[in-house]
Protein backbone atom coordinates (compact mmCIF):
# COMPACT_ATOMS: atom_id res chain seq x y z
CA UNK A 1 56.41 118.87 125.11
CA UNK A 2 54.11 117.80 127.95
CA UNK A 3 55.27 114.19 127.59
CA UNK A 4 58.88 115.29 127.93
CA UNK A 5 58.02 117.25 131.09
CA UNK A 6 56.13 114.31 132.60
CA UNK A 7 58.97 111.91 131.81
CA UNK A 8 61.45 114.31 133.40
CA UNK A 9 59.29 114.58 136.53
CA UNK A 10 59.08 110.78 136.85
CA UNK A 11 62.82 110.54 136.44
CA UNK A 12 63.34 113.16 139.16
CA UNK A 13 60.97 111.30 141.48
CA UNK A 14 62.78 107.98 140.93
CA UNK A 15 66.14 109.66 141.47
CA UNK A 16 64.85 111.28 144.65
CA UNK A 17 63.57 107.93 145.93
CA UNK A 18 66.83 106.16 145.10
CA UNK A 19 68.94 108.75 146.92
CA UNK A 20 66.71 109.73 149.84
CA UNK A 21 64.62 106.62 150.60
CA UNK A 22 67.07 105.31 153.19
CA UNK A 23 66.87 108.63 155.04
CA UNK A 24 63.07 108.49 154.99
CA UNK A 25 63.17 104.93 156.37
CA UNK A 26 65.62 106.00 159.08
CA UNK A 27 63.40 108.96 160.01
CA UNK A 28 60.36 106.67 160.28
CA UNK A 29 62.37 104.29 162.48
CA UNK A 30 63.46 107.12 164.79
CA UNK A 31 59.90 108.46 164.89
CA UNK A 32 58.60 104.99 165.76
CA UNK A 33 61.16 104.49 168.52
CA UNK A 34 61.10 107.91 170.15
CA UNK A 35 57.54 108.98 169.34
CA UNK A 36 55.65 105.73 168.90
CA UNK A 37 56.73 103.98 172.08
CA UNK A 38 55.87 106.87 174.48
CA UNK A 39 52.55 107.49 172.71
CA UNK A 40 51.78 103.76 172.88
CA UNK A 41 52.34 103.76 176.67
CA UNK A 42 50.14 106.86 177.05
CA UNK A 43 47.30 105.43 174.96
CA UNK A 44 47.60 101.98 176.59
CA UNK A 45 47.04 103.61 179.98
CA UNK A 46 43.77 105.16 178.76
CA UNK A 47 42.40 102.36 176.55
CA UNK A 48 40.57 99.23 177.67
CA UNK A 49 42.79 96.83 175.75
CA UNK A 50 44.66 93.85 177.10
CA UNK A 51 48.41 93.50 176.73
CA UNK A 52 47.96 90.43 174.53
CA UNK A 53 45.59 92.32 172.23
CA UNK A 54 48.11 95.16 172.06
CA UNK A 55 50.82 92.68 171.03
CA UNK A 56 48.54 91.25 168.34
CA UNK A 57 47.86 94.76 167.01
CA UNK A 58 51.59 95.51 166.98
CA UNK A 59 52.34 92.20 165.23
CA UNK A 60 49.78 92.88 162.51
CA UNK A 61 51.23 96.38 161.96
CA UNK A 62 54.77 94.99 161.84
CA UNK A 63 53.76 92.29 159.33
CA UNK A 64 52.26 95.02 157.15
CA UNK A 65 55.67 96.68 157.33
CA UNK A 66 57.38 93.42 156.34
CA UNK A 67 55.10 93.05 153.32
CA UNK A 68 56.78 96.16 151.84
CA UNK A 69 60.08 94.27 151.36
CA UNK A 70 59.21 93.20 147.82
CA UNK A 71 58.73 96.81 146.74
CA UNK A 72 61.39 98.55 148.83
CA UNK A 73 64.36 96.17 148.69
CA UNK A 74 65.81 97.70 145.53
CA UNK A 75 64.99 101.27 146.51
CA UNK A 76 66.41 101.15 150.03
CA UNK A 77 69.42 99.02 149.26
CA UNK A 78 69.63 97.49 152.74
CA UNK A 79 69.82 93.92 153.95
CA UNK A 80 66.73 92.08 155.15
CA UNK A 81 67.75 92.13 158.83
CA UNK A 82 67.95 95.94 158.74
CA UNK A 83 64.63 96.07 156.94
CA UNK A 84 63.06 93.97 159.71
CA UNK A 85 64.21 96.60 162.22
CA UNK A 86 62.55 99.30 160.11
CA UNK A 87 59.36 97.23 159.75
CA UNK A 88 58.99 96.52 163.48
CA UNK A 89 60.36 99.57 165.27
CA UNK A 90 59.58 102.11 162.57
CA UNK A 91 56.60 101.31 160.40
CA UNK A 92 54.85 98.93 162.82
CA UNK A 93 55.15 101.24 165.82
CA UNK A 94 54.12 104.34 163.83
CA UNK A 95 51.10 102.56 162.34
CA UNK A 96 50.00 101.16 165.71
CA UNK A 97 50.33 104.56 167.39
CA UNK A 98 48.43 106.17 164.51
CA UNK A 99 45.59 103.66 164.86
CA UNK A 100 45.42 104.14 168.64
CA UNK A 101 45.42 107.93 168.19
CA UNK A 102 42.59 107.65 165.63
CA UNK A 103 40.66 105.50 168.09
CA UNK A 104 41.32 108.01 170.91
CA UNK A 105 40.32 111.17 169.03
CA UNK A 106 37.51 109.97 166.72
CA UNK A 107 34.63 109.19 169.08
CA UNK A 108 31.74 107.01 167.91
CA UNK A 109 29.76 106.85 171.16
CA UNK A 110 30.07 107.82 174.78
CA UNK A 111 28.50 106.65 178.01
CA UNK A 112 28.85 106.89 181.77
CA UNK A 113 29.15 104.02 184.19
CA UNK A 114 29.06 104.02 187.97
CA UNK A 115 31.21 101.57 189.90
CA UNK A 116 31.56 100.82 193.60
CA UNK A 117 35.08 100.40 194.94
CA UNK A 118 35.28 97.15 196.86
CA UNK A 119 38.91 97.22 197.89
CA UNK A 120 41.78 99.70 197.59
CA UNK A 121 45.43 99.00 198.26
CA UNK A 122 48.48 101.14 197.70
CA UNK A 123 51.65 99.61 196.28
CA UNK A 124 54.69 101.83 195.76
CA UNK A 125 52.52 104.96 195.78
CA UNK A 126 50.00 103.66 193.23
CA UNK A 127 46.39 102.68 193.83
CA UNK A 128 45.32 99.13 193.10
CA UNK A 129 41.53 99.13 192.88
CA UNK A 130 39.15 96.18 192.88
CA UNK A 131 35.61 97.06 191.85
CA UNK A 132 32.56 95.28 193.25
CA UNK A 133 30.93 94.97 189.82
CA UNK A 134 31.99 92.23 187.43
CA UNK A 135 34.31 94.19 185.12
CA UNK A 136 37.40 93.33 183.11
CA UNK A 137 40.88 93.61 184.53
CA UNK A 138 41.60 96.26 181.88
CA UNK A 139 38.86 98.47 183.34
CA UNK A 140 40.31 98.12 186.83
CA UNK A 141 43.83 98.80 185.48
CA UNK A 142 42.80 102.03 183.72
CA UNK A 143 40.70 103.27 186.66
CA UNK A 144 43.58 102.49 189.05
CA UNK A 145 45.96 104.47 186.84
CA UNK A 146 43.57 107.40 186.63
CA UNK A 147 43.04 107.34 190.40
CA UNK A 148 46.80 107.31 191.03
CA UNK A 149 47.28 110.36 188.80
CA UNK A 150 44.30 112.40 190.03
CA UNK A 151 43.12 111.35 193.49
CA UNK A 152 44.88 111.90 196.80
CA UNK A 153 42.63 109.66 198.91
CA UNK A 154 40.40 106.82 197.84
CA UNK A 155 38.67 104.39 200.15
CA UNK A 156 36.56 101.28 199.92
CA UNK A 157 32.83 101.76 199.33
CA UNK A 158 33.46 104.95 197.34
CA UNK A 159 31.36 105.30 194.23
CA UNK A 160 33.21 106.31 191.06
CA UNK A 161 31.50 107.70 187.97
CA UNK A 162 33.50 106.88 184.82
CA UNK A 163 33.18 108.54 181.41
CA UNK A 164 33.64 105.92 178.66
CA UNK A 165 34.19 106.78 175.01
CA UNK A 166 34.19 104.22 172.20
CA UNK A 167 36.55 105.11 169.39
CA UNK A 168 36.49 104.48 165.66
CA UNK A 169 38.27 101.12 165.99
CA UNK A 170 35.78 99.93 168.62
CA UNK A 171 38.18 100.25 171.54
CA UNK A 172 36.84 101.97 174.65
CA UNK A 173 38.82 104.67 176.42
CA UNK A 174 38.30 106.11 179.89
CA UNK A 175 38.54 109.88 179.82
CA UNK A 176 37.41 110.97 183.26
CA UNK A 177 36.68 109.48 186.67
CA UNK A 178 34.88 111.34 189.45
CA UNK A 179 34.37 110.24 193.05
CA UNK A 180 30.64 110.60 193.67
CA UNK A 181 30.55 109.40 197.26
């Protein structure tokens, strides 16, 4: 009797997948487009990662989505071009956002750095900061974004204390900046 029940459950699961898999794929695509893209922009503005590195991460996640074609082509019943859209905008974007969220919320280490502002310019209401220390352009980009959101006035020779947190994936995020002087 237990074998009959197990067989019936497997049959129900396969029937469910055959009939509802396309809806699940469409939901993942919508979630990737309307949830993944805004969360990616938010996390990119806080994380010290270059745009090229972000594209590489997205490409790897999208390729992982494409590798599912062998297993999902019969279940989904869609053409390959539509599956590519699911793999890139749905699965790839959701996976990348998930990884960036994991990196943002699971902290491995934290530190504080102090930087001296060498030059400040304002373009279209946003600060563009150049630091006197030898730092990456990603650090200056994230500090400039934080300063635009939180500071009213910022001048040259100001000292900024930055709270850095390294996440589970090894990417550093800037959580807080304070003008010391």
